[in-house]
N, C-alpha and C. Protein backbone atom coordinates (compact mmCIF):
# COMPACT_ATOMS: atom_id res chain seq x y z
N MET A 1 0.65 -1.00 0.05
CA MET A 1 -0.08 -0.13 -0.11
C MET A 1 0.71 1.19 -0.17
N LYS A 2 0.56 1.96 -1.08
CA LYS A 2 1.42 3.32 -0.77
C LYS A 2 0.60 4.26 -0.10
N ARG A 3 1.85 5.01 0.67
CA ARG A 3 1.02 6.21 1.69
C ARG A 3 1.51 7.39 1.42
N LYS A 4 0.66 8.46 2.27
CA LYS A 4 0.83 9.70 1.80
C LYS A 4 1.88 10.14 2.81
N THR A 5 3.03 11.08 1.77
CA THR A 5 4.14 11.36 2.15
C THR A 5 3.80 13.32 2.13
N LEU A 6 4.34 13.81 3.15
CA LEU A 6 4.59 15.26 3.31
C LEU A 6 5.63 15.91 3.09
N VAL A 7 6.33 16.47 2.43
CA VAL A 7 7.32 17.20 1.89
C VAL A 7 7.40 18.63 2.50
N ILE A 8 8.20 18.60 3.16
CA ILE A 8 8.20 20.33 3.78
C ILE A 8 8.99 20.91 3.24
N GLY A 9 9.49 22.30 2.68
CA GLY A 9 10.32 22.88 2.08
C GLY A 9 9.84 22.75 0.48
N ALA A 10 8.79 22.28 0.22
CA ALA A 10 8.54 21.94 -1.17
C ALA A 10 8.66 23.53 -1.91
N SER A 11 8.93 23.48 -3.08
CA SER A 11 9.29 24.73 -3.90
C SER A 11 9.22 24.47 -5.50
N GLU A 12 8.87 25.45 -6.21
CA GLU A 12 8.38 24.97 -7.61
C GLU A 12 10.18 25.24 -8.56
N ASN A 13 11.08 25.68 -7.23
CA ASN A 13 12.74 25.10 -8.18
C ASN A 13 12.69 24.08 -8.42
N PRO A 14 12.92 23.63 -10.02
CA PRO A 14 13.25 22.24 -10.50
C PRO A 14 14.72 21.82 -9.67
N ASP A 15 15.59 22.84 -9.25
CA ASP A 15 16.63 22.30 -8.82
C ASP A 15 16.91 22.07 -7.54
N ARG A 16 15.75 22.35 -6.89
CA ARG A 16 15.88 21.87 -5.54
C ARG A 16 15.60 20.28 -5.13
N TYR A 17 16.13 20.03 -4.02
CA TYR A 17 15.57 18.50 -4.04
C TYR A 17 14.36 18.13 -3.77
N ALA A 18 13.82 19.04 -2.71
CA ALA A 18 12.35 19.01 -2.36
C ALA A 18 11.58 18.51 -3.42
N TYR A 19 11.47 19.50 -4.79
CA TYR A 19 11.36 19.38 -5.96
C TYR A 19 11.04 17.83 -6.47
N LYS A 20 12.64 17.80 -6.91
CA LYS A 20 13.09 16.24 -7.16
C LYS A 20 12.01 15.32 -6.19
N ALA A 21 12.15 15.21 -5.36
CA ALA A 21 11.85 14.55 -4.15
C ALA A 21 10.15 14.26 -4.50
N ALA A 22 9.53 15.10 -4.49
CA ALA A 22 7.94 15.19 -4.90
C ALA A 22 7.55 14.81 -6.56
N ASN A 23 8.44 14.95 -7.07
CA ASN A 23 8.37 14.58 -8.24
C ASN A 23 8.64 12.89 -8.16
N ARG A 24 9.61 12.53 -7.64
CA ARG A 24 9.63 11.29 -7.95
C ARG A 24 8.71 10.30 -6.81
N LEU A 25 8.36 11.21 -6.20
CA LEU A 25 6.98 10.19 -4.97
C LEU A 25 5.94 10.13 -5.67
N VAL A 26 5.67 11.26 -6.46
CA VAL A 26 4.45 11.04 -7.76
C VAL A 26 4.53 10.15 -8.71
N GLN A 27 5.83 9.63 -9.03
CA GLN A 27 5.98 9.18 -10.08
C GLN A 27 5.89 7.60 -9.96
N GLN A 28 6.40 7.19 -9.07
CA GLN A 28 6.20 5.89 -7.95
C GLN A 28 4.97 5.64 -7.30
N GLY A 29 3.90 6.48 -7.63
CA GLY A 29 2.59 6.42 -7.12
C GLY A 29 1.92 6.46 -5.87
N HIS A 30 3.08 7.28 -5.32
CA HIS A 30 2.81 7.84 -3.73
C HIS A 30 2.13 9.24 -3.69
N GLU A 31 0.99 9.34 -2.83
CA GLU A 31 -0.04 10.52 -2.55
C GLU A 31 1.05 11.20 -1.65
N ILE A 32 1.10 12.72 -2.32
CA ILE A 32 2.14 13.38 -1.40
C ILE A 32 1.19 14.99 -1.20
N GLU A 33 1.68 15.55 0.17
CA GLU A 33 1.05 16.93 0.31
C GLU A 33 2.25 17.71 0.48
N LEU A 34 2.07 18.83 -0.04
CA LEU A 34 3.41 20.18 0.01
C LEU A 34 3.17 20.90 1.15
N LEU A 35 4.05 21.57 1.52
CA LEU A 35 4.43 22.56 2.32
C LEU A 35 5.70 23.36 2.24
N GLY A 36 5.03 24.55 1.70
CA GLY A 36 6.44 25.29 1.27
C GLY A 36 6.74 26.80 1.95
N LEU A 37 7.51 27.84 1.63
CA LEU A 37 6.91 29.16 2.06
C LEU A 37 6.12 30.07 1.05
N ARG A 38 5.98 29.32 0.42
CA ARG A 38 5.28 30.40 -1.20
C ARG A 38 4.43 29.20 -1.39
N PRO A 39 3.50 29.57 -2.15
CA PRO A 39 2.25 28.94 -2.69
C PRO A 39 2.81 28.37 -4.09
N GLY A 40 2.73 27.50 -4.53
CA GLY A 40 2.88 27.26 -5.83
C GLY A 40 2.13 25.86 -6.13
N THR A 41 2.74 25.00 -7.41
CA THR A 41 2.01 23.78 -7.63
C THR A 41 3.27 22.98 -8.04
N ILE A 42 3.22 21.88 -7.90
CA ILE A 42 4.33 20.61 -8.33
C ILE A 42 3.38 19.61 -8.77
N ARG A 43 3.53 19.39 -9.90
CA ARG A 43 2.54 17.99 -10.33
C ARG A 43 0.79 18.06 -9.86
N ASP A 44 0.30 19.05 -10.49
CA ASP A 44 -0.86 19.32 -10.11
C ASP A 44 -1.01 19.17 -8.54
N THR A 45 -0.35 19.19 -7.77
CA THR A 45 -0.28 19.11 -6.00
C THR A 45 -0.38 20.92 -5.76
N PRO A 46 -1.04 21.30 -5.07
CA PRO A 46 -0.91 22.92 -4.71
C PRO A 46 0.62 22.33 -3.41
N ILE A 47 1.40 23.79 -3.24
CA ILE A 47 1.67 23.91 -2.27
C ILE A 47 1.65 24.67 -1.18
N ARG A 48 1.34 24.07 -0.17
CA ARG A 48 0.41 24.95 0.97
C ARG A 48 1.59 25.91 1.62
N THR A 49 1.09 26.69 2.52
CA THR A 49 1.65 27.42 3.62
C THR A 49 1.37 27.41 4.57
N GLY A 50 1.76 27.97 5.92
CA GLY A 50 1.59 27.80 7.38
C GLY A 50 1.37 26.59 7.61
N GLN A 51 0.40 26.00 8.23
CA GLN A 51 0.24 25.14 8.93
C GLN A 51 -1.00 24.01 8.77
N PRO A 52 -1.38 23.29 7.50
CA PRO A 52 -2.42 23.88 7.37
C PRO A 52 -3.13 21.95 8.16
N ASP A 53 -4.22 21.77 8.06
CA ASP A 53 -4.87 20.74 8.61
C ASP A 53 -4.60 19.71 7.93
N LEU A 54 -3.97 18.45 8.05
CA LEU A 54 -3.61 17.26 7.15
C LEU A 54 -3.94 15.93 7.76
N ASN A 55 -4.47 15.26 7.17
CA ASN A 55 -5.28 13.74 7.98
C ASN A 55 -4.34 12.48 7.15
N ASP A 56 -4.27 11.77 7.87
CA ASP A 56 -3.25 10.47 7.16
C ASP A 56 -2.05 10.51 6.53
N ILE A 57 -1.19 11.22 7.62
CA ILE A 57 0.17 11.67 6.62
C ILE A 57 1.07 10.47 7.31
N ASP A 58 1.71 9.32 6.79
CA ASP A 58 2.50 8.53 7.20
C ASP A 58 3.79 8.75 7.17
N THR A 59 4.23 9.81 6.37
CA THR A 59 6.13 9.74 6.61
C THR A 59 5.75 11.44 6.08
N VAL A 60 6.95 12.14 6.75
CA VAL A 60 7.09 13.65 6.57
C VAL A 60 8.74 13.68 6.30
N THR A 61 8.58 14.62 4.93
CA THR A 61 10.45 14.27 4.58
C THR A 61 11.16 15.84 4.85
N LEU A 62 11.74 16.11 5.39
CA LEU A 62 12.17 17.42 5.89
C LEU A 62 13.44 18.00 4.82
N TYR A 63 13.22 19.16 4.31
CA TYR A 63 14.03 20.09 3.16
C TYR A 63 14.05 21.26 4.03
N VAL A 64 14.10 21.28 5.09
CA VAL A 64 14.49 22.60 5.72
C VAL A 64 15.74 22.27 6.88
N SER A 65 16.35 23.06 7.24
CA SER A 65 17.61 23.10 8.02
C SER A 65 17.00 22.78 9.55
N ALA A 66 17.73 22.42 10.21
CA ALA A 66 17.38 22.37 11.85
C ALA A 66 16.73 23.77 12.53
N LYS A 67 17.44 24.91 12.49
CA LYS A 67 17.03 25.90 12.59
C LYS A 67 15.54 26.26 12.28
N ASN A 68 15.40 25.76 10.96
CA ASN A 68 13.90 26.16 10.60
C ASN A 68 12.90 25.50 10.93
N GLN A 69 13.31 24.33 11.69
CA GLN A 69 12.72 23.14 12.08
C GLN A 69 11.62 23.91 13.18
N VAL A 70 12.40 24.66 13.96
CA VAL A 70 11.89 24.76 15.25
C VAL A 70 10.29 24.86 15.42
N ASN A 71 9.85 25.81 14.81
CA ASN A 71 8.58 26.49 14.73
C ASN A 71 7.74 24.88 14.04
N LEU A 72 7.89 24.07 13.34
CA LEU A 72 7.51 23.14 13.18
C LEU A 72 7.10 21.43 13.83
N TYR A 73 8.25 21.71 15.12
CA TYR A 73 8.21 20.84 15.92
C TYR A 73 6.62 20.42 16.46
N ASP A 74 5.86 21.34 16.91
CA ASP A 74 4.27 20.69 17.64
C ASP A 74 3.27 20.61 16.31
N TYR A 75 3.51 21.16 15.17
CA TYR A 75 2.86 20.47 13.97
C TYR A 75 3.07 19.24 13.54
N ILE A 76 4.19 19.16 13.13
CA ILE A 76 4.89 17.48 12.74
C ILE A 76 4.62 16.47 13.95
N LYS A 77 4.27 16.61 14.81
CA LYS A 77 4.16 15.88 16.06
C LYS A 77 2.66 15.48 16.04
N LYS A 78 1.80 16.72 15.86
CA LYS A 78 0.22 16.55 15.89
C LYS A 78 -0.16 15.57 14.81
N LEU A 79 0.71 15.70 13.64
CA LEU A 79 0.35 15.01 12.47
C LEU A 79 0.48 13.48 12.68
N LYS A 80 1.21 13.17 13.76
CA LYS A 80 1.30 11.55 14.14
C LYS A 80 1.68 10.80 13.13
N PRO A 81 3.16 11.36 11.76
CA PRO A 81 3.29 10.18 11.28
C PRO A 81 4.08 8.98 11.72
N ARG A 82 3.65 8.17 11.14
CA ARG A 82 4.45 6.98 11.35
C ARG A 82 6.48 7.23 11.44
N ARG A 83 6.84 8.05 10.42
CA ARG A 83 8.35 8.37 10.65
C ARG A 83 8.70 9.77 10.16
N VAL A 84 9.48 10.45 10.49
CA VAL A 84 10.07 11.71 10.03
C VAL A 84 11.45 11.39 8.95
N ILE A 85 11.74 11.65 7.89
CA ILE A 85 12.88 11.61 7.32
C ILE A 85 13.91 13.09 7.16
N PHE A 86 14.87 12.78 7.72
CA PHE A 86 15.57 13.97 8.08
C PHE A 86 16.64 13.61 6.61
N ASN A 87 16.44 14.37 5.51
CA ASN A 87 17.41 14.42 4.39
C ASN A 87 18.73 15.09 4.63
N PRO A 88 19.59 14.91 3.84
CA PRO A 88 20.91 15.23 3.87
C PRO A 88 21.09 16.97 4.52
N GLY A 89 21.51 17.25 5.61
CA GLY A 89 21.46 18.74 5.59
C GLY A 89 20.40 19.12 6.63
N THR A 90 19.22 18.37 6.64
CA THR A 90 18.23 18.77 8.01
C THR A 90 18.85 17.75 9.19
N GLU A 91 19.32 17.38 9.60
CA GLU A 91 19.74 16.45 10.45
C GLU A 91 19.12 16.99 11.98
N ASN A 92 18.90 16.57 12.83
CA ASN A 92 18.41 17.69 13.85
C ASN A 92 18.34 17.00 15.14
N PRO A 93 19.19 16.47 16.17
CA PRO A 93 19.39 15.26 17.42
C PRO A 93 18.40 15.86 18.21
N VAL A 94 18.14 16.91 18.29
CA VAL A 94 17.56 17.56 19.61
C VAL A 94 15.91 17.00 18.79
N PHE A 95 15.42 17.14 17.86
CA PHE A 95 13.92 16.83 17.09
C PHE A 95 13.63 15.49 17.44
N GLU A 96 14.91 15.13 16.64
CA GLU A 96 15.01 13.62 16.52
C GLU A 96 14.48 13.00 17.76
N LYS A 97 15.33 13.03 18.80
CA LYS A 97 14.89 12.52 20.21
C LYS A 97 13.56 12.67 20.68
N GLU A 98 13.18 14.17 20.20
CA GLU A 98 11.95 14.33 20.93
C GLU A 98 10.65 13.35 19.81
N LEU A 99 10.87 13.18 18.59
CA LEU A 99 10.25 12.80 17.65
C LEU A 99 10.10 10.80 18.20
N ALA A 100 11.12 10.46 18.49
CA ALA A 100 11.14 9.13 19.44
C ALA A 100 10.54 8.85 20.45
N GLN A 101 10.53 9.68 21.16
CA GLN A 101 10.00 9.83 22.69
C GLN A 101 8.72 9.70 22.08
N GLN A 102 7.62 10.04 21.14
CA GLN A 102 6.77 9.96 20.94
C GLN A 102 6.22 8.95 19.75
N GLY A 103 7.03 7.89 20.14
CA GLY A 103 6.99 6.91 18.84
C GLY A 103 7.06 7.21 17.36
N ILE A 104 7.26 7.92 17.34
CA ILE A 104 7.51 8.45 15.64
C ILE A 104 8.78 8.54 15.36
N GLU A 105 9.32 7.32 14.36
CA GLU A 105 10.54 7.32 13.80
C GLU A 105 11.32 8.34 13.24
N PRO A 106 12.35 8.60 13.69
CA PRO A 106 13.42 9.40 13.03
C PRO A 106 14.16 8.78 12.00
N VAL A 107 14.32 9.24 10.51
CA VAL A 107 15.21 8.76 9.85
C VAL A 107 16.30 9.49 9.04
N GLU A 108 17.28 9.63 9.33
CA GLU A 108 18.85 10.22 8.72
C GLU A 108 18.97 9.46 7.84
N ALA A 109 18.49 9.86 6.24
CA ALA A 109 18.54 9.21 5.08
C ALA A 109 18.09 9.96 3.87
N CYS A 110 18.26 9.92 3.02
CA CYS A 110 17.75 10.73 1.56
C CYS A 110 16.86 10.41 1.01
N THR A 111 15.71 10.63 0.57
CA THR A 111 14.39 10.26 0.44
C THR A 111 14.58 9.71 -1.11
N LEU A 112 15.46 10.56 -2.12
CA LEU A 112 15.40 10.04 -3.32
C LEU A 112 16.26 8.81 -3.94
N VAL A 113 17.32 8.92 -2.50
CA VAL A 113 17.94 7.02 -2.53
C VAL A 113 16.91 6.48 -2.16
N LEU A 114 16.17 6.37 -1.39
CA LEU A 114 15.54 5.70 -0.56
C LEU A 114 14.46 4.75 -1.58
N LEU A 115 13.67 5.85 -2.58
CA LEU A 115 13.05 5.83 -3.56
C LEU A 115 13.90 4.78 -4.98
N ALA A 116 15.14 4.81 -5.24
CA ALA A 116 15.73 4.59 -6.19
C ALA A 116 16.14 3.06 -5.70
N ILE A 117 16.52 2.96 -4.44
CA ILE A 117 16.94 1.73 -3.99
C ILE A 117 15.84 0.71 -3.86
N GLY A 118 14.30 1.36 -3.79
CA GLY A 118 13.07 0.38 -3.55
C GLY A 118 12.82 0.25 -1.87
N GLN A 119 13.49 0.82 -0.96
CA GLN A 119 13.45 1.20 0.30
C GLN A 119 12.36 2.07 1.06
N TYR A 120 11.58 2.97 0.00
CA TYR A 120 11.10 4.08 0.58
C TYR A 120 9.97 3.24 1.68
């Protein structure tokens, strides 16, 4: 079963890894939600801003630096995802520990690599 992924740090810029990940997730049949600083669209999916009410999020994949994650801690925990993927450059031991204490699996990995090797 394909599960819903929330991409945080989404951008319409095709050079950004968040854009590439969103594209690849859709190509592989995953349902996505997108959250970014500016509204836009990737693959017919709107990029939302703020902290929208979302349901059934299995995975959150982060493309924002640790210092820009602080105001998202409570929001992400409230979504109760199964796991949060910390892509290269987004590692955050403090938040990872908090997530683990809430029963949410923190994963330091690259979403694009996980998709490429079939371990997403």
